[in-house]
Amino acid sequence: MIQEDTYKTIAATAEGIYTEKRSKFIAIAIPVRTLEEIKQHLEVYQKKYYDARHVCYAYMLGHERKDFRANDNGEPSGTAGKPILGQINSNELTDILIIVVRYFGGIKLGTSGLIVAYKAAAAEAIAAATVIEKTVDEEVAVAFEYPFMNDIMRIVKEEEPMILEQSYDMDCLMRLRIRRSKMEKLRARLEKVETARIVDEQE
């Protein structure tokens, strides 16, 4: 089974605006990596739009797209967060937070009207964003004796992982990052170098 080793996210923050019966929906799509970042962004926008009737949002985190949440912030259940999340899903995005701020225009939209409006606002923000593809990367650390540095460097040059850190004492250590689909070959080649061993720091 080939594991997907790419995912889609957005390059930078983007905004979209949707108006319906004098209600104004401002949607902000933000690239995020952690829950901490999401909390910070929500605080910022809740303060910025303190006078808005509702600040609803949805987010998706991680390349496996299993960490997500939708929040209606006082709108009828399922009319705001869910349609925002639906747009994230239909565009197959992750590591993204979409906040939709609603200024009430005095005319009630009804549940179906709200769903359409939140969906459209989120879609506007995504349309304004630059969608980029990123690779799912994995890290490996390899320890080896100094005389075998050239053998290791040759593999690094050919397989092209990113060097995250390297230390050269009696025992050298190099930490590398490479996209998931290339990891097996990289590990196999590193392990063949004399004195080299893969270090699992998770242990």
Protein backbone atom coordinates (compact mmCIF):
# COMPACT_ATOMS: atom_id res chain seq x y z
CA MET A 1 0.00 0.00 0.00
CA ILE A 2 1.43 3.34 -1.00
CA GLN A 3 0.85 5.88 1.71
CA GLU A 4 -0.06 9.32 0.55
CA ASP A 5 2.94 11.49 1.30
CA THR A 6 1.58 14.82 0.15
CA TYR A 7 -1.16 17.03 1.52
CA LYS A 8 -2.74 20.33 0.60
CA THR A 9 -2.78 23.49 2.67
CA ILE A 10 -2.70 27.23 2.02
CA ALA A 11 0.40 29.36 1.62
CA ALA A 12 -0.78 32.42 3.54
CA THR A 13 -3.77 34.06 5.19
CA ALA A 14 -6.58 34.98 2.78
CA GLU A 15 -9.94 36.69 3.18
CA GLY A 16 -13.30 36.46 1.50
CA ILE A 17 -16.52 38.43 1.98
CA TYR A 18 -20.07 37.29 1.35
CA THR A 19 -23.18 39.42 1.83
CA GLU A 20 -26.72 38.11 2.13
CA LYS A 21 -29.80 40.20 3.05
CA ARG A 22 -27.63 42.88 4.64
CA SER A 23 -25.80 40.30 6.80
CA LYS A 24 -22.09 40.48 6.12
CA PHE A 25 -19.90 37.39 6.42
CA ILE A 26 -16.15 37.95 6.58
CA ALA A 27 -14.15 34.76 6.14
CA ILE A 28 -10.47 34.45 7.05
CA ALA A 29 -8.50 31.35 6.04
CA ILE A 30 -5.27 30.93 8.00
CA PRO A 31 -2.51 28.32 7.70
CA VAL A 32 -1.89 26.70 11.12
CA ARG A 33 0.14 23.82 12.50
CA THR A 34 -0.94 23.53 16.15
CA LEU A 35 -3.92 23.96 18.46
CA GLU A 36 -1.94 26.64 20.26
CA GLU A 37 -1.74 28.69 17.06
CA ILE A 38 -5.47 28.20 16.48
CA LYS A 39 -6.27 29.49 19.98
CA GLN A 40 -4.09 32.56 19.42
CA HIS A 41 -5.71 33.37 16.07
CA LEU A 42 -9.19 32.95 17.52
CA GLU A 43 -8.38 35.33 20.37
CA VAL A 44 -7.00 37.91 17.94
CA TYR A 45 -10.04 37.79 15.66
CA GLN A 46 -12.56 37.66 18.48
CA LYS A 47 -11.01 40.88 19.81
CA LYS A 48 -10.76 42.45 16.37
CA TYR A 49 -14.41 41.72 15.58
CA TYR A 50 -15.69 42.14 19.14
CA ASP A 51 -18.79 43.93 17.82
CA ALA A 52 -19.79 41.09 15.48
CA ARG A 53 -22.79 38.92 16.28
CA HIS A 54 -20.96 35.62 15.69
CA VAL A 55 -17.37 34.50 15.17
CA CYS A 56 -17.67 30.92 13.92
CA TYR A 57 -14.87 28.66 12.78
CA ALA A 58 -13.64 25.24 11.72
CA TYR A 59 -10.18 23.79 11.51
CA MET A 60 -8.37 20.72 10.25
CA LEU A 61 -4.90 19.68 11.42
CA GLY A 62 -2.38 17.05 10.37
CA HIS A 63 -1.74 15.28 7.09
CA GLU A 64 -4.02 12.41 8.14
CA ARG A 65 -6.85 14.94 8.49
CA LYS A 66 -8.21 13.38 11.67
CA ASP A 67 -7.90 16.36 13.99
CA PHE A 68 -10.71 18.77 13.26
CA ARG A 69 -13.42 20.79 14.92
CA ALA A 70 -16.37 22.95 13.90
CA ASN A 71 -17.82 25.67 16.14
CA ASP A 72 -21.14 27.46 15.58
CA ASN A 73 -20.50 30.19 18.18
CA GLY A 74 -24.17 30.71 18.98
CA GLU A 75 -25.61 30.16 15.51
CA PRO A 76 -28.20 27.34 15.27
CA SER A 77 -26.46 23.97 15.55
CA GLY A 78 -24.82 22.79 12.33
CA THR A 79 -25.46 26.01 10.37
CA ALA A 80 -21.99 27.60 10.61
CA GLY A 81 -19.06 25.43 11.69
CA LYS A 82 -20.18 22.39 9.69
CA PRO A 83 -20.54 24.18 6.34
CA ILE A 84 -17.13 25.84 6.93
CA LEU A 85 -15.58 22.44 7.68
CA GLY A 86 -17.38 21.06 4.61
CA GLN A 87 -15.47 23.53 2.43
CA ILE A 88 -12.16 22.53 4.03
CA ASN A 89 -13.04 18.90 3.28
CA SER A 90 -14.25 19.37 -0.26
CA ASN A 91 -11.00 21.18 -1.06
CA GLU A 92 -9.05 18.42 0.75
CA LEU A 93 -7.17 20.98 2.84
CA THR A 94 -5.47 20.56 6.19
CA ASP A 95 -3.37 22.65 8.59
CA ILE A 96 -5.99 25.32 8.09
CA LEU A 97 -8.30 27.41 10.24
CA ILE A 98 -11.23 29.26 8.69
CA ILE A 99 -12.96 31.88 10.79
CA VAL A 100 -16.20 33.41 9.55
CA VAL A 101 -17.35 36.59 11.25
CA ARG A 102 -21.00 37.53 10.89
CA TYR A 103 -22.43 40.99 11.16
CA PHE A 104 -26.20 40.66 11.41
CA GLY A 105 -28.10 42.87 8.98
CA GLY A 106 -31.50 42.77 10.67
CA ILE A 107 -33.09 40.15 8.41
CA LYS A 108 -33.08 36.55 9.59
CA LEU A 109 -31.68 34.13 7.03
CA GLY A 110 -33.16 30.91 8.41
CA THR A 111 -31.11 27.76 8.87
CA SER A 112 -30.79 26.92 5.16
CA GLY A 113 -29.84 30.53 4.41
CA LEU A 114 -27.18 30.46 7.12
CA ILE A 115 -25.70 27.20 5.83
CA VAL A 116 -25.47 28.63 2.31
CA ALA A 117 -23.93 31.89 3.57
CA TYR A 118 -21.26 30.29 5.80
CA LYS A 119 -20.41 27.81 3.06
CA ALA A 120 -20.13 30.60 0.46
CA ALA A 121 -18.02 32.81 2.73
CA ALA A 122 -15.60 29.95 3.50
CA ALA A 123 -15.41 29.13 -0.23
CA GLU A 124 -14.57 32.78 -0.99
CA ALA A 125 -11.66 32.73 1.48
CA ILE A 126 -10.32 29.45 0.05
CA ALA A 127 -10.68 30.81 -3.50
CA ALA A 128 -8.63 33.87 -2.49
CA ALA A 129 -5.89 31.67 -0.97
CA THR A 130 -2.99 30.03 -2.75
CA VAL A 131 -3.33 26.28 -2.26
CA ILE A 132 0.02 24.52 -2.03
CA GLU A 133 1.02 20.90 -1.84
CA LYS A 134 3.40 19.84 0.90
CA THR A 135 5.12 16.55 1.45
CA VAL A 136 4.64 14.41 4.53
CA ASP A 137 8.17 14.22 5.88
CA GLU A 138 9.80 11.87 8.33
CA GLU A 139 13.00 12.23 10.29
CA VAL A 140 15.83 9.81 10.85
CA ALA A 141 18.99 10.13 12.94
CA VAL A 142 22.07 8.17 12.05
CA ALA A 143 25.17 7.69 14.20
CA PHE A 144 28.46 6.66 12.63
CA GLU A 145 32.20 6.84 13.16
CA TYR A 146 34.07 9.77 11.69
CA PRO A 147 36.10 7.84 9.05
CA PHE A 148 32.83 6.91 7.35
CA MET A 149 31.67 10.48 6.95
CA ASN A 150 32.27 10.43 3.18
CA ASP A 151 30.10 7.35 2.71
CA ILE A 152 27.26 9.00 4.62
CA MET A 153 27.68 12.29 2.76
CA ARG A 154 27.55 10.51 -0.59
CA ILE A 155 24.16 9.01 0.33
CA VAL A 156 22.93 12.40 1.56
CA LYS A 157 24.00 13.97 -1.70
CA GLU A 158 22.27 11.33 -3.81
CA GLU A 159 19.05 10.91 -1.81
CA GLU A 160 18.78 14.63 -1.02
CA PRO A 161 17.28 14.63 2.47
CA MET A 162 17.35 17.86 4.42
CA ILE A 163 20.08 17.96 7.06
CA LEU A 164 18.49 19.13 10.32
CA GLU A 165 21.54 18.86 12.52
CA GLN A 166 24.95 17.27 12.60
CA SER A 167 27.50 16.83 15.34
CA TYR A 168 30.99 15.46 14.96
CA ASP A 169 32.50 13.99 18.09
CA MET A 170 34.10 10.60 18.38
CA ASP A 171 30.75 9.33 17.24
CA CYS A 172 29.12 11.50 14.60
CA LEU A 173 25.40 12.08 14.51
CA MET A 174 23.33 13.39 11.67
CA ARG A 175 19.62 14.06 11.73
CA LEU A 176 17.88 14.04 8.37
CA ARG A 177 14.39 14.77 7.07
CA ILE A 178 12.99 13.34 3.86
CA ARG A 179 9.56 12.78 2.35
CA ARG A 180 7.91 9.62 3.56
CA SER A 181 8.01 7.72 0.26
CA LYS A 182 11.80 8.02 0.10
CA MET A 183 12.53 7.17 3.74
CA GLU A 184 12.80 3.41 3.35
CA LYS A 185 15.49 3.64 0.69
CA LEU A 186 17.41 6.29 2.66
CA ARG A 187 17.37 4.20 5.86
CA ALA A 188 18.40 1.06 3.99
CA ARG A 189 21.37 2.83 2.40
CA LEU A 190 22.48 4.44 5.65
CA GLU A 191 22.33 1.12 7.49
CA LYS A 192 24.69 -0.45 4.95
CA VAL A 193 27.47 2.00 5.84
CA GLU A 194 30.05 0.43 8.15
CA THR A 195 29.64 1.48 11.84
CA ALA A 196 26.42 3.36 11.02
CA ARG A 197 23.32 2.79 13.08
CA ILE A 198 19.91 4.37 13.01
CA VAL A 199 19.08 6.06 16.29
CA ASP A 200 15.45 6.08 17.36
CA GLU A 201 15.07 8.96 19.74
CA GLN A 202 11.46 8.13 20.49
CA GLU A 203 12.58 5.12 22.51
